N, C-alpha and C. Protein backbone atom coordinates (compact mmCIF):
# COMPACT_ATOMS: atom_id res chain seq x y z
N UNK A 1 82.38 -18.33 -39.43
CA UNK A 1 81.58 -17.53 -40.32
C UNK A 1 80.39 -16.99 -39.47
N UNK A 2 80.09 -15.74 -39.44
CA UNK A 2 78.84 -15.35 -38.52
C UNK A 2 77.78 -14.97 -39.40
N UNK A 3 76.71 -15.71 -39.29
CA UNK A 3 75.48 -15.69 -40.06
C UNK A 3 74.40 -14.56 -39.69
N UNK A 4 74.73 -13.79 -38.35
CA UNK A 4 73.78 -12.91 -37.92
C UNK A 4 73.37 -11.84 -38.74
N UNK A 5 74.18 -11.44 -39.41
CA UNK A 5 73.63 -10.52 -40.56
C UNK A 5 72.73 -10.74 -41.60
N UNK A 6 72.50 -11.92 -41.95
CA UNK A 6 71.75 -12.61 -42.95
C UNK A 6 70.14 -12.39 -42.25
N UNK A 7 70.01 -12.44 -41.00
CA UNK A 7 68.45 -12.32 -40.51
C UNK A 7 68.19 -10.92 -39.98
N UNK A 8 68.95 -9.97 -40.03
CA UNK A 8 68.78 -8.74 -39.75
C UNK A 8 67.54 -8.19 -40.71
N UNK A 9 67.32 -8.64 -41.82
CA UNK A 9 66.32 -8.21 -42.59
C UNK A 9 64.82 -8.94 -42.34
N UNK A 10 65.06 -9.94 -41.68
CA UNK A 10 63.93 -10.65 -41.35
C UNK A 10 63.17 -9.88 -39.98
N UNK A 11 61.86 -9.56 -39.88
CA UNK A 11 61.39 -8.76 -38.80
C UNK A 11 60.96 -9.63 -37.54
N UNK A 12 61.86 -10.54 -37.00
CA UNK A 12 61.45 -11.72 -36.26
C UNK A 12 60.67 -10.73 -34.65
N UNK A 13 61.54 -9.84 -34.24
CA UNK A 13 60.97 -9.20 -33.24
C UNK A 13 59.62 -8.70 -33.28
N UNK A 14 59.19 -8.04 -34.27
CA UNK A 14 57.83 -7.61 -34.87
C UNK A 14 56.88 -8.61 -34.58
N UNK A 15 57.38 -9.85 -35.30
CA UNK A 15 56.59 -10.91 -35.65
C UNK A 15 56.24 -11.69 -34.21
N UNK A 16 57.20 -11.59 -33.42
CA UNK A 16 57.11 -12.35 -32.14
C UNK A 16 56.02 -11.40 -31.32
N UNK A 17 56.32 -10.28 -31.38
CA UNK A 17 55.15 -9.46 -30.69
C UNK A 17 53.92 -9.57 -31.24
N UNK A 18 53.73 -9.81 -32.51
CA UNK A 18 52.45 -9.89 -33.07
C UNK A 18 51.94 -11.23 -32.71
N UNK A 19 52.73 -12.31 -32.60
CA UNK A 19 52.17 -13.88 -32.02
C UNK A 19 51.63 -13.45 -30.88
N UNK A 20 52.38 -12.81 -29.95
CA UNK A 20 52.25 -12.99 -28.56
C UNK A 20 51.00 -12.17 -28.16
N UNK A 21 51.11 -10.69 -28.62
CA UNK A 21 50.17 -9.90 -28.16
C UNK A 21 48.69 -9.98 -28.83
N UNK A 22 48.77 -10.40 -30.15
CA UNK A 22 47.44 -10.25 -31.02
C UNK A 22 46.96 -11.81 -31.26
N UNK A 23 47.89 -12.65 -31.42
CA UNK A 23 47.37 -14.02 -31.85
C UNK A 23 47.47 -14.94 -30.59
N UNK A 24 47.83 -14.57 -29.35
CA UNK A 24 47.95 -14.94 -28.11
C UNK A 24 48.67 -16.69 -28.12
N UNK A 25 49.85 -16.59 -28.87
CA UNK A 25 50.80 -17.43 -28.83
C UNK A 25 51.78 -17.26 -27.73
N UNK A 26 52.34 -18.46 -27.49
CA UNK A 26 53.53 -18.20 -26.40
C UNK A 26 54.63 -18.11 -27.21
N UNK A 27 55.94 -17.36 -26.50
CA UNK A 27 57.03 -17.39 -27.51
C UNK A 27 57.63 -18.77 -27.96
N UNK A 28 57.29 -19.46 -27.11
CA UNK A 28 57.79 -20.84 -27.41
C UNK A 28 57.09 -21.38 -28.71
N UNK A 29 55.60 -21.35 -28.72
CA UNK A 29 54.82 -21.67 -29.82
C UNK A 29 55.15 -20.98 -31.22
N UNK A 30 55.59 -19.62 -30.83
CA UNK A 30 55.91 -18.73 -32.13
C UNK A 30 57.31 -19.48 -32.47
N UNK A 31 58.23 -19.68 -31.92
CA UNK A 31 59.64 -20.19 -32.34
C UNK A 31 59.44 -21.58 -32.81
N UNK A 32 58.49 -22.21 -32.63
CA UNK A 32 58.30 -23.90 -33.13
C UNK A 32 57.83 -23.67 -34.21
N UNK A 33 57.12 -22.51 -34.85
CA UNK A 33 56.33 -22.64 -36.18
C UNK A 33 57.23 -22.64 -37.12
N UNK A 34 57.01 -23.26 -38.46
CA UNK A 34 57.69 -22.92 -39.64
C UNK A 34 57.24 -21.68 -40.32
N UNK A 35 58.05 -21.13 -41.09
CA UNK A 35 57.72 -20.12 -41.97
C UNK A 35 56.18 -20.17 -42.61
N UNK A 36 56.23 -21.37 -43.00
CA UNK A 36 55.03 -21.67 -43.82
C UNK A 36 53.87 -21.41 -42.88
N UNK A 37 53.75 -21.95 -41.85
CA UNK A 37 52.74 -22.06 -41.05
C UNK A 37 52.40 -20.47 -40.47
N UNK A 38 54.05 -19.81 -40.29
CA UNK A 38 53.56 -18.18 -39.83
C UNK A 38 52.81 -17.42 -40.91
N UNK A 39 53.27 -17.71 -42.16
CA UNK A 39 52.54 -16.93 -43.10
C UNK A 39 51.13 -17.41 -43.32
N UNK A 40 50.97 -18.74 -43.35
CA UNK A 40 49.37 -19.29 -43.11
C UNK A 40 48.62 -18.49 -42.12
N UNK A 41 49.12 -18.16 -41.15
CA UNK A 41 48.44 -17.62 -40.11
C UNK A 41 48.25 -15.98 -40.16
N UNK A 42 49.11 -15.78 -40.90
CA UNK A 42 49.35 -13.95 -40.81
C UNK A 42 48.75 -13.54 -42.12
N UNK A 43 49.10 -14.11 -43.18
CA UNK A 43 48.36 -13.51 -44.67
C UNK A 43 46.89 -13.47 -44.71
N UNK A 44 46.55 -12.55 -45.34
CA UNK A 44 45.18 -12.34 -45.82
C UNK A 44 44.90 -13.52 -46.43
N UNK A 45 43.52 -14.05 -46.18
CA UNK A 45 42.83 -15.32 -46.84
C UNK A 45 42.06 -14.48 -47.92
N UNK A 46 42.03 -15.03 -49.07
CA UNK A 46 41.60 -14.72 -50.15
C UNK A 46 40.65 -15.89 -50.81
N UNK A 47 39.29 -15.71 -51.23
CA UNK A 47 38.89 -16.87 -51.85
C UNK A 47 39.43 -17.12 -52.98
N UNK A 48 39.45 -18.46 -53.48
CA UNK A 48 40.40 -19.04 -54.83
C UNK A 48 39.24 -18.29 -55.91
N UNK A 49 40.08 -17.93 -56.99
CA UNK A 49 39.34 -17.34 -58.14
C UNK A 49 38.13 -18.27 -58.80
N UNK A 50 37.35 -17.63 -59.58
CA UNK A 50 36.24 -18.54 -59.90
C UNK A 50 37.14 -19.27 -61.20
N UNK A 51 36.67 -20.66 -61.29
CA UNK A 51 37.13 -21.51 -62.48
C UNK A 51 36.52 -21.00 -63.57
N UNK A 52 36.71 -21.70 -64.84
CA UNK A 52 36.30 -21.54 -65.94
C UNK A 52 34.74 -22.13 -66.15
N UNK A 53 34.76 -23.35 -65.51
CA UNK A 53 33.46 -23.94 -65.40
C UNK A 53 32.52 -23.05 -64.55
N UNK A 54 32.87 -22.72 -63.68
CA UNK A 54 31.90 -21.91 -62.90
C UNK A 54 31.42 -20.81 -63.59
N UNK A 55 32.29 -19.96 -64.39
CA UNK A 55 31.87 -18.80 -65.09
C UNK A 55 30.91 -19.17 -66.16
N UNK A 56 31.41 -20.13 -66.86
CA UNK A 56 30.46 -20.66 -67.98
C UNK A 56 29.06 -20.99 -67.42
N UNK A 57 29.00 -21.95 -66.29
CA UNK A 57 27.63 -22.06 -65.84
C UNK A 57 26.84 -20.82 -65.32
N UNK A 58 27.60 -19.70 -64.89
CA UNK A 58 26.91 -18.57 -64.47
C UNK A 58 26.36 -17.85 -65.82
N UNK A 59 27.12 -17.92 -66.63
CA UNK A 59 26.77 -17.34 -67.97
C UNK A 59 25.49 -18.04 -68.42
N UNK A 60 25.44 -19.23 -68.38
CA UNK A 60 24.45 -19.97 -68.95
C UNK A 60 22.90 -19.77 -68.02
N UNK A 61 23.28 -19.98 -66.88
CA UNK A 61 22.28 -19.69 -65.82
C UNK A 61 21.50 -18.17 -65.95
N UNK A 62 22.35 -17.22 -66.19
CA UNK A 62 21.88 -15.74 -66.32
C UNK A 62 22.30 -15.19 -67.38
N UNK A 63 21.99 -15.77 -68.64
CA UNK A 63 22.45 -15.42 -70.00
C UNK A 63 21.45 -14.23 -70.19
N UNK A 64 21.90 -13.22 -70.83
CA UNK A 64 20.97 -11.92 -71.34
C UNK A 64 20.06 -12.34 -72.39
N UNK A 65 18.82 -12.45 -71.95
CA UNK A 65 17.63 -12.51 -72.99
C UNK A 65 16.98 -11.26 -73.44
């Protein structure tokens, strides 16, 4: 059974170019990454959302008077 068709939807060639040309990884370093590590490197970082306790503290500290 040939599984090559399964991987055609994954943009490995584009990811390899990004890894080497923009992130400075070697091809070997790229291929040794897990998908979790790759996504951690390439996804935008966003701060954690504000928790309820923090919001309540802000409301208390800056209450409308």
